C-alpha atoms as a PDB file:
ATOM      1  CA  UNK A   1    -193.757-257.356 -32.159  1.00  0.00           C
ATOM      2  CA  UNK A   2    -194.338-255.268 -29.023  1.00  0.00           C
ATOM      3  CA  UNK A   3    -190.870-255.089 -27.769  1.00  0.00           C
ATOM      4  CA  UNK A   4    -189.338-254.638 -31.362  1.00  0.00           C
ATOM      5  CA  UNK A   5    -191.372-250.944 -31.403  1.00  0.00           C
ATOM      6  CA  UNK A   6    -190.484-250.020 -28.278  1.00  0.00           C
ATOM      7  CA  UNK A   7    -186.724-250.548 -28.900  1.00  0.00           C
ATOM      8  CA  UNK A   8    -186.919-248.801 -32.407  1.00  0.00           C
ATOM      9  CA  UNK A   9    -188.611-245.661 -30.409  1.00  0.00           C
ATOM     10  CA  UNK A  10    -185.726-245.665 -28.117  1.00  0.00           C
ATOM     11  CA  UNK A  11    -182.929-246.083 -30.572  1.00  0.00           C
ATOM     12  CA  UNK A  12    -184.250-243.960 -32.607  1.00  0.00           C
ATOM     13  CA  UNK A  13    -184.438-241.036 -29.801  1.00  0.00           C
ATOM     14  CA  UNK A  14    -180.827-241.653 -28.571  1.00  0.00           C
ATOM     15  CA  UNK A  15    -179.060-241.915 -31.430  1.00  0.00           C
ATOM     16  CA  UNK A  16    -180.997-237.628 -32.127  1.00  0.00           C
ATOM     17  CA  UNK A  17    -180.082-236.923 -27.886  1.00  0.00           C
ATOM     18  CA  UNK A  18    -183.894-235.242 -28.617  1.00  0.00           C
ATOM     19  CA  UNK A  19    -186.946-236.553 -30.537  1.00  0.00           C
ATOM     20  CA  UNK A  20    -190.770-235.656 -31.063  1.00  0.00           C
ATOM     21  CA  UNK A  21    -193.170-238.437 -32.107  1.00  0.00           C
ATOM     22  CA  UNK A  22    -193.084-236.629 -35.625  1.00  0.00           C
ATOM     23  CA  UNK A  23    -189.380-237.463 -36.000  1.00  0.00           C
ATOM     24  CA  UNK A  24    -190.183-241.070 -34.690  1.00  0.00           C
ATOM     25  CA  UNK A  25    -192.164-241.373 -37.074  1.00  0.00           C
ATOM     26  CA  UNK A  26    -190.266-240.363 -39.676  1.00  0.00           C
ATOM     27  CA  UNK A  27    -187.296-242.943 -39.094  1.00  0.00           C
ATOM     28  CA  UNK A  28    -190.209-245.889 -38.452  1.00  0.00           C
ATOM     29  CA  UNK A  29    -193.066-246.860 -40.477  1.00  0.00           C
ATOM     30  CA  UNK A  30    -195.156-246.162 -36.801  1.00  0.00           C
ATOM     31  CA  UNK A  31    -198.597-244.687 -37.233  1.00  0.00           C
ATOM     32  CA  UNK A  32    -198.856-241.330 -35.274  1.00  0.00           C
ATOM     33  CA  UNK A  33    -200.802-242.955 -32.736  1.00  0.00           C
ATOM     34  CA  UNK A  34    -199.372-246.050 -32.366  1.00  0.00           C
ATOM     35  CA  UNK A  35    -195.961-243.904 -31.735  1.00  0.00           C
ATOM     36  CA  UNK A  36    -197.957-241.778 -28.870  1.00  0.00           C
ATOM     37  CA  UNK A  37    -199.210-244.131 -27.545  1.00  0.00           C
ATOM     38  CA  UNK A  38    -196.166-246.243 -27.304  1.00  0.00           C
ATOM     39  CA  UNK A  39    -193.595-242.975 -26.033  1.00  0.00           C
ATOM     40  CA  UNK A  40    -196.075-242.948 -23.645  1.00  0.00           C
ATOM     41  CA  UNK A  41    -195.224-245.922 -22.080  1.00  0.00           C
ATOM     42  CA  UNK A  42    -191.968-245.309 -22.237  1.00  0.00           C
ATOM     43  CA  UNK A  43    -192.432-241.717 -20.563  1.00  0.00           C
ATOM     44  CA  UNK A  44    -194.351-244.000 -17.526  1.00  0.00           C
ATOM     45  CA  UNK A  45    -191.639-246.520 -16.839  1.00  0.00           C
ATOM     46  CA  UNK A  46    -188.523-243.445 -17.172  1.00  0.00           C
ATOM     47  CA  UNK A  47    -186.948-245.047 -20.105  1.00  0.00           C
ATOM     48  CA  UNK A  48    -187.619-241.622 -22.021  1.00  0.00           C
ATOM     49  CA  UNK A  49    -188.610-237.986 -20.139  1.00  0.00           C
ATOM     50  CA  UNK A  50    -189.605-234.799 -21.503  1.00  0.00           C
ATOM     51  CA  UNK A  51    -187.651-232.143 -22.651  1.00  0.00           C
ATOM     52  CA  UNK A  52    -189.831-229.304 -23.928  1.00  0.00           C
ATOM     53  CA  UNK A  53    -193.724-230.485 -25.394  1.00  0.00           C
ATOM     54  CA  UNK A  54    -193.646-232.680 -27.715  1.00  0.00           C
ATOM     55  CA  UNK A  55    -190.377-233.701 -27.211  1.00  0.00           C
ATOM     56  CA  UNK A  56    -188.471-236.353 -25.253  1.00  0.00           C
ATOM     57  CA  UNK A  57    -184.880-237.999 -24.800  1.00  0.00           C
ATOM     58  CA  UNK A  58    -183.331-240.807 -22.709  1.00  0.00           C
ATOM     59  CA  UNK A  59    -185.313-240.982 -19.175  1.00  0.00           C
ATOM     60  CA  UNK A  60    -183.235-241.191 -15.717  1.00  0.00           C
ATOM     61  CA  UNK A  61    -184.088-244.889 -15.339  1.00  0.00           C
ATOM     62  CA  UNK A  62    -182.135-245.935 -18.821  1.00  0.00           C
ATOM     63  CA  UNK A  63    -179.490-243.961 -17.503  1.00  0.00           C
ATOM     64  CA  UNK A  64    -178.868-245.879 -14.765  1.00  0.00           C
ATOM     65  CA  UNK A  65    -179.244-249.063 -16.080  1.00  0.00           C
ATOM     66  CA  UNK A  66    -176.704-248.214 -18.870  1.00  0.00           C
ATOM     67  CA  UNK A  67    -174.193-246.326 -16.619  1.00  0.00           C
ATOM     68  CA  UNK A  68    -171.512-248.801 -16.142  1.00  0.00           C
ATOM     69  CA  UNK A  69    -170.206-246.446 -12.739  1.00  0.00           C
ATOM     70  CA  UNK A  70    -173.005-247.048 -10.953  1.00  0.00           C
ATOM     71  CA  UNK A  71    -173.178-250.787 -11.368  1.00  0.00           C
ATOM     72  CA  UNK A  72    -172.317-252.691  -7.628  1.00  0.00           C
ATOM     73  CA  UNK A  73    -168.676-254.123  -8.455  1.00  0.00           C
ATOM     74  CA  UNK A  74    -167.562-249.972  -9.672  1.00  0.00           C
ATOM     75  CA  UNK A  75    -169.945-248.548  -6.708  1.00  0.00           C
ATOM     76  CA  UNK A  76    -167.999-250.726  -3.985  1.00  0.00           C
ATOM     77  CA  UNK A  77    -164.392-249.924  -5.688  1.00  0.00           C
ATOM     78  CA  UNK A  78    -164.716-246.109  -3.771  1.00  0.00           C
ATOM     79  CA  UNK A  79    -167.201-247.126  -1.333  1.00  0.00           C
ATOM     80  CA  UNK A  80    -165.485-250.035  -0.182  1.00  0.00           C
ATOM     81  CA  UNK A  81    -162.547-249.046   1.442  1.00  0.00           C
ATOM     82  CA  UNK A  82    -164.238-246.003   3.054  1.00  0.00           C
ATOM     83  CA  UNK A  83    -167.019-248.679   4.575  1.00  0.00           C
ATOM     84  CA  UNK A  84    -164.268-250.608   6.073  1.00  0.00           C
ATOM     85  CA  UNK A  85    -162.433-247.370   7.792  1.00  0.00           C
ATOM     86  CA  UNK A  86    -165.841-246.752   9.299  1.00  0.00           C
ATOM     87  CA  UNK A  87    -166.463-250.046  10.630  1.00  0.00           C
ATOM     88  CA  UNK A  88    -162.798-249.757  12.262  1.00  0.00           C
ATOM     89  CA  UNK A  89    -163.851-246.459  13.559  1.00  0.00           C
ATOM     90  CA  UNK A  90    -167.086-247.019  14.823  1.00  0.00           C
ATOM     91  CA  UNK A  91    -166.458-250.958  15.901  1.00  0.00           C
ATOM     92  CA  UNK A  92    -169.653-251.633  14.120  1.00  0.00           C
ATOM     93  CA  UNK A  93    -170.929-253.210  11.068  1.00  0.00           C
ATOM     94  CA  UNK A  94    -171.004-250.569   7.947  1.00  0.00           C
ATOM     95  CA  UNK A  95    -173.064-251.176   5.051  1.00  0.00           C
ATOM     96  CA  UNK A  96    -173.705-250.307   1.970  1.00  0.00           C
ATOM     97  CA  UNK A  97    -177.749-250.773   0.529  1.00  0.00           C
ATOM     98  CA  UNK A  98    -179.439-249.637  -3.396  1.00  0.00           C
ATOM     99  CA  UNK A  99    -182.247-249.528  -4.967  1.00  0.00           C
ATOM    100  CA  UNK A 100    -183.667-252.294  -6.643  1.00  0.00           C
ATOM    101  CA  UNK A 101    -186.503-252.257  -8.944  1.00  0.00           C
ATOM    102  CA  UNK A 102    -189.385-251.081  -6.144  1.00  0.00           C
ATOM    103  CA  UNK A 103    -187.063-252.749  -3.129  1.00  0.00           C
ATOM    104  CA  UNK A 104    -184.146-251.569  -1.119  1.00  0.00           C
ATOM    105  CA  UNK A 105    -181.156-254.476  -0.344  1.00  0.00           C
ATOM    106  CA  UNK A 106    -178.165-254.690   1.662  1.00  0.00           C
ATOM    107  CA  UNK A 107    -175.751-255.125  -1.267  1.00  0.00           C
ATOM    108  CA  UNK A 108    -172.550-255.030   0.861  1.00  0.00           C
ATOM    109  CA  UNK A 109    -170.867-255.176   4.637  1.00  0.00           C
ATOM    110  CA  UNK A 110    -167.550-254.440   6.143  1.00  0.00           C
ATOM    111  CA  UNK A 111    -167.011-255.413   9.540  1.00  0.00           C
ATOM    112  CA  UNK A 112    -164.842-254.380  11.682  1.00  0.00           C
ATOM    113  CA  UNK A 113    -161.362-256.079  12.612  1.00  0.00           C
ATOM    114  CA  UNK A 114    -160.285-255.452  16.531  1.00  0.00           C
ATOM    115  CA  UNK A 115    -161.487-258.501  17.577  1.00  0.00           C
ATOM    116  CA  UNK A 116    -164.979-256.014  19.284  1.00  0.00           C
ATOM    117  CA  UNK A 117    -168.162-257.663  19.609  1.00  0.00           C
ATOM    118  CA  UNK A 118    -170.639-256.498  16.654  1.00  0.00           C
ATOM    119  CA  UNK A 119    -173.919-257.579  14.779  1.00  0.00           C
ATOM    120  CA  UNK A 120    -173.363-258.258  11.210  1.00  0.00           C
ATOM    121  CA  UNK A 121    -177.128-257.391   9.101  1.00  0.00           C
ATOM    122  CA  UNK A 122    -177.007-259.971   6.279  1.00  0.00           C
ATOM    123  CA  UNK A 123    -177.462-258.790   2.780  1.00  0.00           C
ATOM    124  CA  UNK A 124    -180.639-259.056   0.547  1.00  0.00           C
ATOM    125  CA  UNK A 125    -183.419-257.268   0.509  1.00  0.00           C
ATOM    126  CA  UNK A 126    -185.217-255.338   3.555  1.00  0.00           C
ATOM    127  CA  UNK A 127    -189.148-253.684   4.108  1.00  0.00           C
ATOM    128  CA  UNK A 128    -189.187-250.572   2.994  1.00  0.00           C
ATOM    129  CA  UNK A 129    -190.496-249.651   6.727  1.00  0.00           C
ATOM    130  CA  UNK A 130    -188.584-251.475   9.228  1.00  0.00           C
ATOM    131  CA  UNK A 131    -185.017-250.866   8.424  1.00  0.00           C
ATOM    132  CA  UNK A 132    -183.271-248.142   8.294  1.00  0.00           C
ATOM    133  CA  UNK A 133    -181.329-248.577   5.501  1.00  0.00           C
ATOM    134  CA  UNK A 134    -184.924-248.571   3.441  1.00  0.00           C
ATOM    135  CA  UNK A 135    -186.213-245.976   5.390  1.00  0.00           C
ATOM    136  CA  UNK A 136    -183.523-243.861   4.609  1.00  0.00           C
ATOM    137  CA  UNK A 137    -184.368-244.362   0.769  1.00  0.00           C
ATOM    138  CA  UNK A 138    -188.159-244.597   0.724  1.00  0.00           C
ATOM    139  CA  UNK A 139    -188.114-241.487   2.837  1.00  0.00           C
ATOM    140  CA  UNK A 140    -187.029-239.244  -0.248  1.00  0.00           C
ATOM    141  CA  UNK A 141    -188.550-241.144  -2.999  1.00  0.00           C
ATOM    142  CA  UNK A 142    -192.761-240.580  -3.085  1.00  0.00           C
ATOM    143  CA  UNK A 143    -193.627-242.633  -5.797  1.00  0.00           C
ATOM    144  CA  UNK A 144    -191.570-245.771  -4.461  1.00  0.00           C
ATOM    145  CA  UNK A 145    -193.744-245.876  -0.870  1.00  0.00           C
ATOM    146  CA  UNK A 146    -197.933-245.032  -1.619  1.00  0.00           C
ATOM    147  CA  UNK A 147    -198.486-244.847   1.646  1.00  0.00           C
ATOM    148  CA  UNK A 148    -202.255-244.417   0.358  1.00  0.00           C
ATOM    149  CA  UNK A 149    -202.398-248.142  -0.856  1.00  0.00           C
ATOM    150  CA  UNK A 150    -200.360-249.544   2.320  1.00  0.00           C
ATOM    151  CA  UNK A 151    -202.942-248.864   5.047  1.00  0.00           C
ATOM    152  CA  UNK A 152    -203.727-252.501   6.629  1.00  0.00           C
ATOM    153  CA  UNK A 153    -201.101-254.588   4.566  1.00  0.00           C
ATOM    154  CA  UNK A 154    -197.705-253.720   6.075  1.00  0.00           C
ATOM    155  CA  UNK A 155    -196.170-256.229   8.533  1.00  0.00           C
ATOM    156  CA  UNK A 156    -195.456-256.589  12.233  1.00  0.00           C
ATOM    157  CA  UNK A 157    -192.465-258.034  12.466  1.00  0.00           C
ATOM    158  CA  UNK A 158    -191.612-256.921  16.469  1.00  0.00           C
ATOM    159  CA  UNK A 159    -193.870-255.210  18.707  1.00  0.00           C
ATOM    160  CA  UNK A 160    -192.109-251.468  17.777  1.00  0.00           C
ATOM    161  CA  UNK A 161    -192.744-251.960  13.992  1.00  0.00           C
ATOM    162  CA  UNK A 162    -194.149-249.226  12.708  1.00  0.00           C
ATOM    163  CA  UNK A 163    -198.043-250.862  10.604  1.00  0.00           C
ATOM    164  CA  UNK A 164    -199.795-247.563  10.988  1.00  0.00           C
ATOM    165  CA  UNK A 165    -199.708-245.249   7.538  1.00  0.00           C
ATOM    166  CA  UNK A 166    -199.914-242.052   9.382  1.00  0.00           C
ATOM    167  CA  UNK A 167    -197.242-242.683  11.498  1.00  0.00           C
ATOM    168  CA  UNK A 168    -194.452-244.004   8.309  1.00  0.00           C
ATOM    169  CA  UNK A 169    -195.601-240.772   6.876  1.00  0.00           C
ATOM    170  CA  UNK A 170    -194.708-238.741  10.158  1.00  0.00           C
ATOM    171  CA  UNK A 171    -191.545-240.827   9.998  1.00  0.00           C
ATOM    172  CA  UNK A 172    -190.462-241.002   6.699  1.00  0.00           C
ATOM    173  CA  UNK A 173    -190.859-236.538   7.473  1.00  0.00           C
ATOM    174  CA  UNK A 174    -188.612-237.118  10.519  1.00  0.00           C
ATOM    175  CA  UNK A 175    -186.000-238.488   8.221  1.00  0.00           C
ATOM    176  CA  UNK A 176    -186.318-236.059   5.404  1.00  0.00           C
ATOM    177  CA  UNK A 177    -185.614-233.181   8.202  1.00  0.00           C
ATOM    178  CA  UNK A 178    -183.399-234.481   9.903  1.00  0.00           C
ATOM    179  CA  UNK A 179    -181.037-236.499   7.109  1.00  0.00           C
ATOM    180  CA  UNK A 180    -181.322-240.054   8.447  1.00  0.00           C
ATOM    181  CA  UNK A 181    -182.554-243.031   9.787  1.00  0.00           C
ATOM    182  CA  UNK A 182    -183.105-245.177  12.537  1.00  0.00           C
ATOM    183  CA  UNK A 183    -184.309-248.969  13.280  1.00  0.00           C
ATOM    184  CA  UNK A 184    -185.085-249.243  16.755  1.00  0.00           C
ATOM    185  CA  UNK A 185    -185.809-253.376  17.290  1.00  0.00           C
ATOM    186  CA  UNK A 186    -188.403-252.836  14.209  1.00  0.00           C
ATOM    187  CA  UNK A 187    -187.559-255.907  12.424  1.00  0.00           C
ATOM    188  CA  UNK A 188    -185.640-257.801  15.294  1.00  0.00           C
ATOM    189  CA  UNK A 189    -185.141-258.014  18.718  1.00  0.00           C
ATOM    190  CA  UNK A 190    -182.116-256.024  19.874  1.00  0.00           C
ATOM    191  CA  UNK A 191    -181.013-254.958  16.926  1.00  0.00           C
ATOM    192  CA  UNK A 192    -180.690-251.282  16.449  1.00  0.00           C
ATOM    193  CA  UNK A 193    -179.520-248.941  13.428  1.00  0.00           C
ATOM    194  CA  UNK A 194    -178.984-245.939  11.390  1.00  0.00           C
ATOM    195  CA  UNK A 195    -178.924-244.982   8.008  1.00  0.00           C
ATOM    196  CA  UNK A 196    -178.552-242.050   5.388  1.00  0.00           C
ATOM    197  CA  UNK A 197    -178.891-241.728   1.843  1.00  0.00           C
ATOM    198  CA  UNK A 198    -175.763-240.929  -0.324  1.00  0.00           C
ATOM    199  CA  UNK A 199    -177.860-237.237  -1.767  1.00  0.00           C
ATOM    200  CA  UNK A 200    -181.630-236.780  -1.019  1.00  0.00           C
ATOM    201  CA  UNK A 201    -182.558-236.126  -4.925  1.00  0.00           C
ATOM    202  CA  UNK A 202    -180.620-237.806  -7.956  1.00  0.00           C
ATOM    203  CA  UNK A 203    -179.090-240.683  -8.257  1.00  0.00           C
ATOM    204  CA  UNK A 204    -177.641-240.914  -4.843  1.00  0.00           C
ATOM    205  CA  UNK A 205    -180.798-240.971  -3.424  1.00  0.00           C
ATOM    206  CA  UNK A 206    -181.257-244.707  -4.128  1.00  0.00           C
ATOM    207  CA  UNK A 207    -177.978-245.431  -2.032  1.00  0.00           C
ATOM    208  CA  UNK A 208    -177.588-245.507   1.452  1.00  0.00           C
ATOM    209  CA  UNK A 209    -174.845-246.510   4.080  1.00  0.00           C
ATOM    210  CA  UNK A 210    -175.459-247.670   7.432  1.00  0.00           C
ATOM    211  CA  UNK A 211    -174.702-248.821  10.843  1.00  0.00           C
ATOM    212  CA  UNK A 212    -176.046-251.909  12.696  1.00  0.00           C
ATOM    213  CA  UNK A 213    -175.462-253.221  16.566  1.00  0.00           C
ATOM    214  CA  UNK A 214    -177.199-254.223  19.496  1.00  0.00           C
ATOM    215  CA  UNK A 215    -179.633-251.777  21.545  1.00  0.00           C
ATOM    216  CA  UNK A 216    -177.436-252.118  24.865  1.00  0.00           C
ATOM    217  CA  UNK A 217    -174.767-250.322  22.074  1.00  0.00           C
ATOM    218  CA  UNK A 218    -176.836-248.607  19.699  1.00  0.00           C
ATOM    219  CA  UNK A 219    -177.985-246.725  22.873  1.00  0.00           C
ATOM    220  CA  UNK A 220    -180.254-242.649  21.957  1.00  0.00           C
ATOM    221  CA  UNK A 221    -177.334-240.843  22.885  1.00  0.00           C
ATOM    222  CA  UNK A 222    -175.026-242.950  20.008  1.00  0.00           C
ATOM    223  CA  UNK A 223    -177.605-243.202  17.359  1.00  0.00           C
ATOM    224  CA  UNK A 224    -178.375-239.118  17.898  1.00  0.00           C
ATOM    225  CA  UNK A 225    -174.441-238.780  17.145  1.00  0.00           C
ATOM    226  CA  UNK A 226    -174.188-241.877  14.937  1.00  0.00           C
ATOM    227  CA  UNK A 227    -177.013-240.685  12.489  1.00  0.00           C
ATOM    228  CA  UNK A 228    -175.424-236.635  11.683  1.00  0.00           C
ATOM    229  CA  UNK A 229    -171.393-239.007  10.826  1.00  0.00           C
ATOM    230  CA  UNK A 230    -173.178-241.590   9.227  1.00  0.00           C
ATOM    231  CA  UNK A 231    -174.677-238.429   6.955  1.00  0.00           C
ATOM    232  CA  UNK A 232    -171.693-236.666   6.755  1.00  0.00           C
ATOM    233  CA  UNK A 233    -169.505-239.629   5.056  1.00  0.00           C
ATOM    234  CA  UNK A 234    -172.590-239.516   2.656  1.00  0.00           C
ATOM    235  CA  UNK A 235    -171.997-236.473   1.586  1.00  0.00           C
ATOM    236  CA  UNK A 236    -168.252-237.456   0.905  1.00  0.00           C
ATOM    237  CA  UNK A 237    -168.993-240.763  -0.415  1.00  0.00           C
ATOM    238  CA  UNK A 238    -171.385-238.545  -2.950  1.00  0.00           C
ATOM    239  CA  UNK A 239    -168.220-236.607  -3.838  1.00  0.00           C
ATOM    240  CA  UNK A 240    -165.504-240.059  -4.004  1.00  0.00           C
ATOM    241  CA  UNK A 241    -168.249-240.386  -6.790  1.00  0.00           C
ATOM    242  CA  UNK A 242    -168.469-237.363  -8.611  1.00  0.00           C
ATOM    243  CA  UNK A 243    -172.278-237.437  -8.166  1.00  0.00           C
ATOM    244  CA  UNK A 244    -172.652-233.857  -6.644  1.00  0.00           C
ATOM    245  CA  UNK A 245    -175.002-231.211  -8.038  1.00  0.00           C
ATOM    246  CA  UNK A 246    -173.982-231.159 -10.808  1.00  0.00           C
ATOM    247  CA  UNK A 247    -173.576-234.274 -11.528  1.00  0.00           C
ATOM    248  CA  UNK A 248    -176.847-235.389 -10.517  1.00  0.00           C
ATOM    249  CA  UNK A 249    -178.588-232.492 -13.062  1.00  0.00           C
ATOM    250  CA  UNK A 250    -176.306-234.323 -15.688  1.00  0.00           C
ATOM    251  CA  UNK A 251    -177.043-237.315 -15.406  1.00  0.00           C
ATOM    252  CA  UNK A 252    -181.410-236.516 -15.182  1.00  0.00           C
ATOM    253  CA  UNK A 253    -181.116-234.372 -18.036  1.00  0.00           C
END
């Protein structure tokens, strides 16, 4: 019954594009207090969002769920060739990661075909505090990573993993300023990576691309040059997806 009521509200708002609690009550048998409470529940999880005082529309989270062009397959059709080209150009494995729920996971990897030695990062979830692909997303998603709740709970994968909340907050600030994140032996000894979000906000902030390699190859000087390059590639991918600033505003509105 509870799920049916929530679904009914989403259907009413979706059909009207914008609706008030009074509208919802008029098109259902819900009493006003119940409708108001359910609407607030939906707003809290991003399925509805307020557009004016007392008026609501479908939320960004639900739009992202229902946009087929944001499926893994659709993204890879556009992003995959560019990742493959970058892997060949830089002789390193390049990866695509995305925010799924409350975690970031690597969903695709392209490797060079030139016979050079490279490190494959593997697929799957990555810790939000100890991998460049996830830090690149978390730094621009303040609601995703509430550092105040994590004191003493951050796992040390190596002696280089940041486990102090203040240190992590400082690194997030650095990532926001320069536009890309680094991981230097923080999740595995001998391995480094550099990653950037596709954009600092909007749907692009939920995706990151990056490259990984050994500490021998990914020296500080190499990472300093590679970071801006990856950021530039990410912005080009954003444009290829059609997710420019205007599109971000359209999707979020």
